[in-house]
Amino acid sequence: MGEAGGMEEFRDRISNTLRIEDNKLIRELLAECIGTFFLLLSGPAANIQAAVAVGGNSTSAHIAWGIGFMFAVYLAASVS
């Protein structure tokens, strides 16, 4: 019980420290950077997997790009 309370206190302290409420531009830029990072992390990885894997095809890469795009938009949509 004591450890869970300590974890909640730690989480609250970190979220209050890292919270950016005053500058909307910085929030939007960070959201776009995180979304773009995720898209560029998942997309080329899907291309490499399709090229290297035995029986890999472009359909699986296209589906993975679409899912990566969906998650990137989901990450950044609440801010921008």
PDB file of N, CA and C in Angstrom:
ATOM      1  N   MET A   1       0.826  -1.197   0.000  1.00  0.00           N
ATOM      2  CA  MET A   1       0.000   0.000   0.000  1.00  0.00           C
ATOM      3  C   MET A   1       0.864   1.252   0.000  1.00  0.00           C
ATOM      4  N   GLY A   2       1.917   1.271   0.820  1.00  0.00           N
ATOM      5  CA  GLY A   2       2.751   2.459   0.899  1.00  0.00           C
ATOM      6  C   GLY A   2       3.479   2.725  -0.410  1.00  0.00           C
ATOM      7  N   GLU A   3       3.861   1.648  -1.101  1.00  0.00           N
ATOM      8  CA  GLU A   3       4.585   1.814  -2.357  1.00  0.00           C
ATOM      9  C   GLU A   3       3.690   2.380  -3.449  1.00  0.00           C
ATOM     10  N   ALA A   4       2.441   1.962  -3.489  1.00  0.00           N
ATOM     11  CA  ALA A   4       1.519   2.477  -4.507  1.00  0.00           C
ATOM     12  C   ALA A   4       1.278   3.965  -4.304  1.00  0.00           C
ATOM     13  N   GLY A   5       1.142   4.398  -3.052  1.00  0.00           N
ATOM     14  CA  GLY A   5       0.966   5.820  -2.773  1.00  0.00           C
ATOM     15  C   GLY A   5       2.190   6.617  -3.176  1.00  0.00           C
ATOM     16  N   GLY A   6       3.376   6.040  -2.966  1.00  0.00           N
ATOM     17  CA  GLY A   6       4.609   6.704  -3.371  1.00  0.00           C
ATOM     18  C   GLY A   6       4.705   6.836  -4.881  1.00  0.00           C
ATOM     19  N   MET A   7       4.224   5.825  -5.584  1.00  0.00           N
ATOM     20  CA  MET A   7       4.252   5.869  -7.042  1.00  0.00           C
ATOM     21  C   MET A   7       3.299   6.929  -7.571  1.00  0.00           C
ATOM     22  N   GLU A   8       2.123   7.043  -6.979  1.00  0.00           N
ATOM     23  CA  GLU A   8       1.173   8.073  -7.407  1.00  0.00           C
ATOM     24  C   GLU A   8       1.730   9.462  -7.143  1.00  0.00           C
ATOM     25  N   GLU A   9       2.380   9.626  -6.004  1.00  0.00           N
ATOM     26  CA  GLU A   9       2.987  10.919  -5.679  1.00  0.00           C
ATOM     27  C   GLU A   9       4.092  11.253  -6.677  1.00  0.00           C
ATOM     28  N   PHE A  10       4.910  10.248  -7.020  1.00  0.00           N
ATOM     29  CA  PHE A  10       5.973  10.444  -8.000  1.00  0.00           C
ATOM     30  C   PHE A  10       5.395  10.814  -9.364  1.00  0.00           C
ATOM     31  N   ARG A  11       4.337  10.106  -9.790  1.00  0.00           N
ATOM     32  CA  ARG A  11       3.703  10.382 -11.073  1.00  0.00           C
ATOM     33  C   ARG A  11       3.127  11.797 -11.107  1.00  0.00           C
ATOM     34  N   ASP A  12       2.481  12.210 -10.020  1.00  0.00           N
ATOM     35  CA  ASP A  12       1.925  13.562  -9.962  1.00  0.00           C
ATOM     36  C   ASP A  12       3.022  14.617 -10.014  1.00  0.00           C
ATOM     37  N   ARG A  13       4.113  14.369  -9.314  1.00  0.00           N
ATOM     38  CA  ARG A  13       5.214  15.334  -9.306  1.00  0.00           C
ATOM     39  C   ARG A  13       5.841  15.459 -10.697  1.00  0.00           C
ATOM     40  N   ILE A  14       6.047  14.338 -11.375  1.00  0.00           N
ATOM     41  CA  ILE A  14       6.627  14.368 -12.720  1.00  0.00           C
ATOM     42  C   ILE A  14       5.674  15.043 -13.706  1.00  0.00           C
ATOM     43  N   SER A  15       4.386  14.709 -13.648  1.00  0.00           N
ATOM     44  CA  SER A  15       3.442  15.308 -14.600  1.00  0.00           C
ATOM     45  C   SER A  15       3.308  16.806 -14.372  1.00  0.00           C
ATOM     46  N   ASN A  16       3.381  17.254 -13.135  1.00  0.00           N
ATOM     47  CA  ASN A  16       3.320  18.691 -12.874  1.00  0.00           C
ATOM     48  C   ASN A  16       4.588  19.395 -13.327  1.00  0.00           C
ATOM     49  N   THR A  17       5.722  18.706 -13.253  1.00  0.00           N
ATOM     50  CA  THR A  17       6.984  19.294 -13.691  1.00  0.00           C
ATOM     51  C   THR A  17       7.043  19.395 -15.212  1.00  0.00           C
ATOM     52  N   LEU A  18       6.572  18.381 -15.915  1.00  0.00           N
ATOM     53  CA  LEU A  18       6.685  18.336 -17.371  1.00  0.00           C
ATOM     54  C   LEU A  18       5.504  18.960 -18.099  1.00  0.00           C
ATOM     55  N   ARG A  19       4.515  19.394 -17.391  1.00  0.00           N
ATOM     56  CA  ARG A  19       3.310  19.943 -18.014  1.00  0.00           C
ATOM     57  C   ARG A  19       3.620  21.296 -18.661  1.00  0.00           C
ATOM     58  N   ILE A  20       3.195  21.447 -19.898  1.00  0.00           N
ATOM     59  CA  ILE A  20       3.368  22.707 -20.618  1.00  0.00           C
ATOM     60  C   ILE A  20       1.978  23.245 -20.909  1.00  0.00           C
ATOM     61  N   GLU A  21       1.564  24.235 -20.156  1.00  0.00           N
ATOM     62  CA  GLU A  21       0.232  24.805 -20.336  1.00  0.00           C
ATOM     63  C   GLU A  21       0.283  26.229 -20.869  1.00  0.00           C
ATOM     64  N   ASP A  22       1.363  26.933 -20.591  1.00  0.00           N
ATOM     65  CA  ASP A  22       1.422  28.350 -20.918  1.00  0.00           C
ATOM     66  C   ASP A  22       1.641  28.611 -22.405  1.00  0.00           C
ATOM     67  N   ASN A  23       2.470  27.810 -23.045  1.00  0.00           N
ATOM     68  CA  ASN A  23       2.863  28.091 -24.414  1.00  0.00           C
ATOM     69  C   ASN A  23       2.232  27.066 -25.360  1.00  0.00           C
ATOM     70  N   LYS A  24       1.203  27.483 -26.068  1.00  0.00           N
ATOM     71  CA  LYS A  24       0.483  26.577 -26.971  1.00  0.00           C
ATOM     72  C   LYS A  24       1.354  26.159 -28.155  1.00  0.00           C
ATOM     73  N   LEU A  25       2.205  27.068 -28.624  1.00  0.00           N
ATOM     74  CA  LEU A  25       3.072  26.753 -29.754  1.00  0.00           C
ATOM     75  C   LEU A  25       4.022  25.605 -29.411  1.00  0.00           C
ATOM     76  N   ILE A  26       4.617  25.651 -28.238  1.00  0.00           N
ATOM     77  CA  ILE A  26       5.532  24.584 -27.824  1.00  0.00           C
ATOM     78  C   ILE A  26       4.787  23.257 -27.714  1.00  0.00           C
ATOM     79  N   ARG A  27       3.583  23.281 -27.168  1.00  0.00           N
ATOM     80  CA  ARG A  27       2.783  22.047 -27.061  1.00  0.00           C
ATOM     81  C   ARG A  27       2.500  21.465 -28.437  1.00  0.00           C
ATOM     82  N   GLU A  28       2.111  22.318 -29.386  1.00  0.00           N
ATOM     83  CA  GLU A  28       1.812  21.828 -30.736  1.00  0.00           C
ATOM     84  C   GLU A  28       3.061  21.306 -31.429  1.00  0.00           C
ATOM     85  N   LEU A  29       4.181  22.006 -31.270  1.00  0.00           N
ATOM     86  CA  LEU A  29       5.422  21.544 -31.894  1.00  0.00           C
ATOM     87  C   LEU A  29       5.868  20.198 -31.318  1.00  0.00           C
ATOM     88  N   LEU A  30       5.786  20.046 -30.006  1.00  0.00           N
ATOM     89  CA  LEU A  30       6.148  18.763 -29.400  1.00  0.00           C
ATOM     90  C   LEU A  30       5.221  17.641 -29.857  1.00  0.00           C
ATOM     91  N   ALA A  31       3.939  17.927 -29.948  1.00  0.00           N
ATOM     92  CA  ALA A  31       2.990  16.908 -30.404  1.00  0.00           C
ATOM     93  C   ALA A  31       3.291  16.496 -31.841  1.00  0.00           C
ATOM     94  N   GLU A  32       3.568  17.462 -32.699  1.00  0.00           N
ATOM     95  CA  GLU A  32       3.895  17.141 -34.090  1.00  0.00           C
ATOM     96  C   GLU A  32       5.197  16.353 -34.185  1.00  0.00           C
ATOM     97  N   CYS A  33       6.186  16.722 -33.378  1.00  0.00           N
ATOM     98  CA  CYS A  33       7.458  15.990 -33.393  1.00  0.00           C
ATOM     99  C   CYS A  33       7.275  14.551 -32.924  1.00  0.00           C
ATOM    100  N   ILE A  34       6.491  14.351 -31.886  1.00  0.00           N
ATOM    101  CA  ILE A  34       6.261  12.996 -31.379  1.00  0.00           C
ATOM    102  C   ILE A  34       5.489  12.165 -32.403  1.00  0.00           C
ATOM    103  N   GLY A  35       4.472  12.761 -33.023  1.00  0.00           N
ATOM    104  CA  GLY A  35       3.711  12.051 -34.047  1.00  0.00           C
ATOM    105  C   GLY A  35       4.565  11.697 -35.255  1.00  0.00           C
ATOM    106  N   THR A  36       5.381  12.655 -35.707  1.00  0.00           N
ATOM    107  CA  THR A  36       6.258  12.408 -36.851  1.00  0.00           C
ATOM    108  C   THR A  36       7.306  11.356 -36.514  1.00  0.00           C
ATOM    109  N   PHE A  37       7.848  11.420 -35.305  1.00  0.00           N
ATOM    110  CA  PHE A  37       8.829  10.421 -34.879  1.00  0.00           C
ATOM    111  C   PHE A  37       8.227   9.021 -34.923  1.00  0.00           C
ATOM    112  N   PHE A  38       7.015   8.882 -34.395  1.00  0.00           N
ATOM    113  CA  PHE A  38       6.385   7.560 -34.384  1.00  0.00           C
ATOM    114  C   PHE A  38       6.119   7.072 -35.803  1.00  0.00           C
ATOM    115  N   LEU A  39       5.651   7.969 -36.673  1.00  0.00           N
ATOM    116  CA  LEU A  39       5.381   7.579 -38.056  1.00  0.00           C
ATOM    117  C   LEU A  39       6.661   7.147 -38.755  1.00  0.00           C
ATOM    118  N   LEU A  40       7.737   7.913 -38.570  1.00  0.00           N
ATOM    119  CA  LEU A  40       8.991   7.579 -39.235  1.00  0.00           C
ATOM    120  C   LEU A  40       9.725   6.430 -38.555  1.00  0.00           C
ATOM    121  N   LEU A  41       9.313   6.064 -37.369  1.00  0.00           N
ATOM    122  CA  LEU A  41       9.872   4.879 -36.727  1.00  0.00           C
ATOM    123  C   LEU A  41       9.172   3.619 -37.224  1.00  0.00           C
ATOM    124  N   SER A  42       7.859   3.683 -37.353  1.00  0.00           N
ATOM    125  CA  SER A  42       7.099   2.487 -37.721  1.00  0.00           C
ATOM    126  C   SER A  42       7.079   2.237 -39.230  1.00  0.00           C
ATOM    127  N   GLY A  43       7.030   3.278 -40.034  1.00  0.00           N
ATOM    128  CA  GLY A  43       6.925   3.108 -41.482  1.00  0.00           C
ATOM    129  C   GLY A  43       8.127   2.431 -42.119  1.00  0.00           C
ATOM    130  N   PRO A  44       9.325   2.999 -41.979  1.00  0.00           N
ATOM    131  CA  PRO A  44      10.495   2.332 -42.556  1.00  0.00           C
ATOM    132  C   PRO A  44      10.764   0.952 -41.953  1.00  0.00           C
ATOM    133  N   ALA A  45      10.408   0.767 -40.687  1.00  0.00           N
ATOM    134  CA  ALA A  45      10.560  -0.568 -40.094  1.00  0.00           C
ATOM    135  C   ALA A  45       9.667  -1.569 -40.813  1.00  0.00           C
ATOM    136  N   ALA A  46       8.478  -1.139 -41.201  1.00  0.00           N
ATOM    137  CA  ALA A  46       7.577  -2.017 -41.952  1.00  0.00           C
ATOM    138  C   ALA A  46       8.149  -2.319 -43.335  1.00  0.00           C
ATOM    139  N   ASN A  47       8.746  -1.324 -43.979  1.00  0.00           N
ATOM    140  CA  ASN A  47       9.358  -1.551 -45.289  1.00  0.00           C
ATOM    141  C   ASN A  47      10.515  -2.540 -45.190  1.00  0.00           C
ATOM    142  N   ILE A  48      11.337  -2.386 -44.166  1.00  0.00           N
ATOM    143  CA  ILE A  48      12.464  -3.295 -43.980  1.00  0.00           C
ATOM    144  C   ILE A  48      11.967  -4.708 -43.711  1.00  0.00           C
ATOM    145  N   GLN A  49      10.953  -4.822 -42.873  1.00  0.00           N
ATOM    146  CA  GLN A  49      10.400  -6.145 -42.563  1.00  0.00           C
ATOM    147  C   GLN A  49       9.846  -6.802 -43.816  1.00  0.00           C
ATOM    148  N   ALA A  50       9.153  -6.034 -44.659  1.00  0.00           N
ATOM    149  CA  ALA A  50       8.579  -6.606 -45.880  1.00  0.00           C
ATOM    150  C   ALA A  50       9.671  -7.023 -46.859  1.00  0.00           C
ATOM    151  N   ALA A  51      10.778  -6.276 -46.891  1.00  0.00           N
ATOM    152  CA  ALA A  51      11.852  -6.590 -47.826  1.00  0.00           C
ATOM    153  C   ALA A  51      12.697  -7.773 -47.356  1.00  0.00           C
ATOM    154  N   VAL A  52      12.905  -7.890 -46.064  1.00  0.00           N
ATOM    155  CA  VAL A  52      13.816  -8.898 -45.540  1.00  0.00           C
ATOM    156  C   VAL A  52      13.116 -10.217 -45.240  1.00  0.00           C
ATOM    157  N   ALA A  53      11.878 -10.162 -44.805  1.00  0.00           N
ATOM    158  CA  ALA A  53      11.181 -11.378 -44.374  1.00  0.00           C
ATOM    159  C   ALA A  53      10.895 -12.295 -45.556  1.00  0.00           C
ATOM    160  N   VAL A  54      10.926 -13.572 -45.271  1.00  0.00           N
ATOM    161  CA  VAL A  54      10.582 -14.556 -46.288  1.00  0.00           C
ATOM    162  C   VAL A  54       9.075 -14.490 -46.502  1.00  0.00           C
ATOM    163  N   GLY A  55       8.668 -14.288 -47.724  1.00  0.00           N
ATOM    164  CA  GLY A  55       7.246 -14.193 -48.032  1.00  0.00           C
ATOM    165  C   GLY A  55       6.648 -12.831 -47.721  1.00  0.00           C
ATOM    166  N   GLY A  56       7.484 -11.848 -47.393  1.00  0.00           N
ATOM    167  CA  GLY A  56       6.961 -10.509 -47.127  1.00  0.00           C
ATOM    168  C   GLY A  56       6.486  -9.862 -48.417  1.00  0.00           C
ATOM    169  N   ASN A  57       5.434  -9.093 -48.323  1.00  0.00           N
ATOM    170  CA  ASN A  57       4.935  -8.412 -49.512  1.00  0.00           C
ATOM    171  C   ASN A  57       4.612  -6.964 -49.181  1.00  0.00           C
ATOM    172  N   SER A  58       4.308  -6.208 -50.213  1.00  0.00           N
ATOM    173  CA  SER A  58       4.075  -4.780 -50.009  1.00  0.00           C
ATOM    174  C   SER A  58       2.751  -4.502 -49.311  1.00  0.00           C
ATOM    175  N   THR A  59       1.819  -5.435 -49.359  1.00  0.00           N
ATOM    176  CA  THR A  59       0.531  -5.214 -48.689  1.00  0.00           C
ATOM    177  C   THR A  59       0.719  -5.075 -47.184  1.00  0.00           C
ATOM    178  N   SER A  60       1.553  -5.919 -46.603  1.00  0.00           N
ATOM    179  CA  SER A  60       1.790  -5.812 -45.158  1.00  0.00           C
ATOM    180  C   SER A  60       2.476  -4.498 -44.816  1.00  0.00           C
ATOM    181  N   ALA A  61       3.370  -4.029 -45.682  1.00  0.00           N
ATOM    182  CA  ALA A  61       4.025  -2.739 -45.441  1.00  0.00           C
ATOM    183  C   ALA A  61       3.020  -1.601 -45.529  1.00  0.00           C
ATOM    184  N   HIS A  62       2.111  -1.667 -46.486  1.00  0.00           N
ATOM    185  CA  HIS A  62       1.101  -0.611 -46.620  1.00  0.00           C
ATOM    186  C   HIS A  62       0.159  -0.583 -45.423  1.00  0.00           C
ATOM    187  N   ILE A  63      -0.222  -1.747 -44.955  1.00  0.00           N
ATOM    188  CA  ILE A  63      -1.093  -1.805 -43.773  1.00  0.00           C
ATOM    189  C   ILE A  63      -0.358  -1.247 -42.556  1.00  0.00           C
ATOM    190  N   ALA A  64       0.919  -1.594 -42.409  1.00  0.00           N
ATOM    191  CA  ALA A  64       1.694  -1.085 -41.273  1.00  0.00           C
ATOM    192  C   ALA A  64       1.869   0.428 -41.358  1.00  0.00           C
ATOM    193  N   TRP A  65       2.084   0.972 -42.566  1.00  0.00           N
ATOM    194  CA  TRP A  65       2.158   2.430 -42.726  1.00  0.00           C
ATOM    195  C   TRP A  65       0.841   3.071 -42.310  1.00  0.00           C
ATOM    196  N   GLY A  66      -0.270   2.472 -42.696  1.00  0.00           N
ATOM    197  CA  GLY A  66      -1.577   3.016 -42.323  1.00  0.00           C
ATOM    198  C   GLY A  66      -1.811   2.993 -40.826  1.00  0.00           C
ATOM    199  N   ILE A  67      -1.428   1.899 -40.185  1.00  0.00           N
ATOM    200  CA  ILE A  67      -1.581   1.811 -38.731  1.00  0.00           C
ATOM    201  C   ILE A  67      -0.645   2.803 -38.043  1.00  0.00           C
ATOM    202  N   GLY A  68       0.577   2.932 -38.548  1.00  0.00           N
ATOM    203  CA  GLY A  68       1.510   3.911 -37.988  1.00  0.00           C
ATOM    204  C   GLY A  68       0.997   5.331 -38.134  1.00  0.00           C
ATOM    205  N   PHE A  69       0.411   5.634 -39.289  1.00  0.00           N
ATOM    206  CA  PHE A  69      -0.170   6.960 -39.502  1.00  0.00           C
ATOM    207  C   PHE A  69      -1.338   7.194 -38.551  1.00  0.00           C
ATOM    208  N   MET A  70      -2.163   6.164 -38.368  1.00  0.00           N
ATOM    209  CA  MET A  70      -3.304   6.289 -37.464  1.00  0.00           C
ATOM    210  C   MET A  70      -2.835   6.598 -36.042  1.00  0.00           C
ATOM    211  N   PHE A  71      -1.820   5.892 -35.569  1.00  0.00           N
ATOM    212  CA  PHE A  71      -1.322   6.147 -34.222  1.00  0.00           C
ATOM    213  C   PHE A  71      -0.641   7.509 -34.117  1.00  0.00           C
ATOM    214  N   ALA A  72       0.072   7.925 -35.166  1.00  0.00           N
ATOM    215  CA  ALA A  72       0.714   9.241 -35.138  1.00  0.00           C
ATOM    216  C   ALA A  72      -0.325  10.349 -35.042  1.00  0.00           C
ATOM    217  N   VAL A  73      -1.406  10.219 -35.793  1.00  0.00           N
ATOM    218  CA  VAL A  73      -2.488  11.209 -35.708  1.00  0.00           C
ATOM    219  C   VAL A  73      -3.133  11.157 -34.331  1.00  0.00           C
ATOM    220  N   TYR A  74      -3.325   9.964 -33.808  1.00  0.00           N
ATOM    221  CA  TYR A  74      -3.920   9.813 -32.477  1.00  0.00           C
ATOM    222  C   TYR A  74      -3.053  10.466 -31.405  1.00  0.00           C
ATOM    223  N   LEU A  75      -1.733  10.359 -31.543  1.00  0.00           N
ATOM    224  CA  LEU A  75      -0.832  10.961 -30.565  1.00  0.00           C
ATOM    225  C   LEU A  75      -0.892  12.482 -30.589  1.00  0.00           C
ATOM    226  N   ALA A  76      -0.999  13.070 -31.775  1.00  0.00           N
ATOM    227  CA  ALA A  76      -0.910  14.525 -31.895  1.00  0.00           C
ATOM    228  C   ALA A  76      -2.260  15.221 -31.970  1.00  0.00           C
ATOM    229  N   ALA A  77      -3.326  14.498 -32.174  1.00  0.00           N
ATOM    230  CA  ALA A  77      -4.623  15.133 -32.443  1.00  0.00           C
ATOM    231  C   ALA A  77      -5.187  15.882 -31.250  1.00  0.00           C
ATOM    232  N   SER A  78      -4.924  15.428 -30.054  1.00  0.00           N
ATOM    233  CA  SER A  78      -5.525  16.090 -28.896  1.00  0.00           C
ATOM    234  C   SER A  78      -4.901  17.450 -28.617  1.00  0.00           C
ATOM    235  N   VAL A  79      -3.738  17.717 -29.180  1.00  0.00           N
ATOM    236  CA  VAL A  79      -3.050  18.981 -28.917  1.00  0.00           C
ATOM    237  C   VAL A  79      -3.246  19.966 -30.053  1.00  0.00           C
ATOM    238  N   SER A  80      -3.057  19.506 -31.267  1.00  0.00           N
ATOM    239  CA  SER A  80      -3.092  20.440 -32.400  1.00  0.00           C
ATOM    240  C   SER A  80      -4.412  20.417 -33.132  1.00  0.00           C
TER     241      SER A  80
END
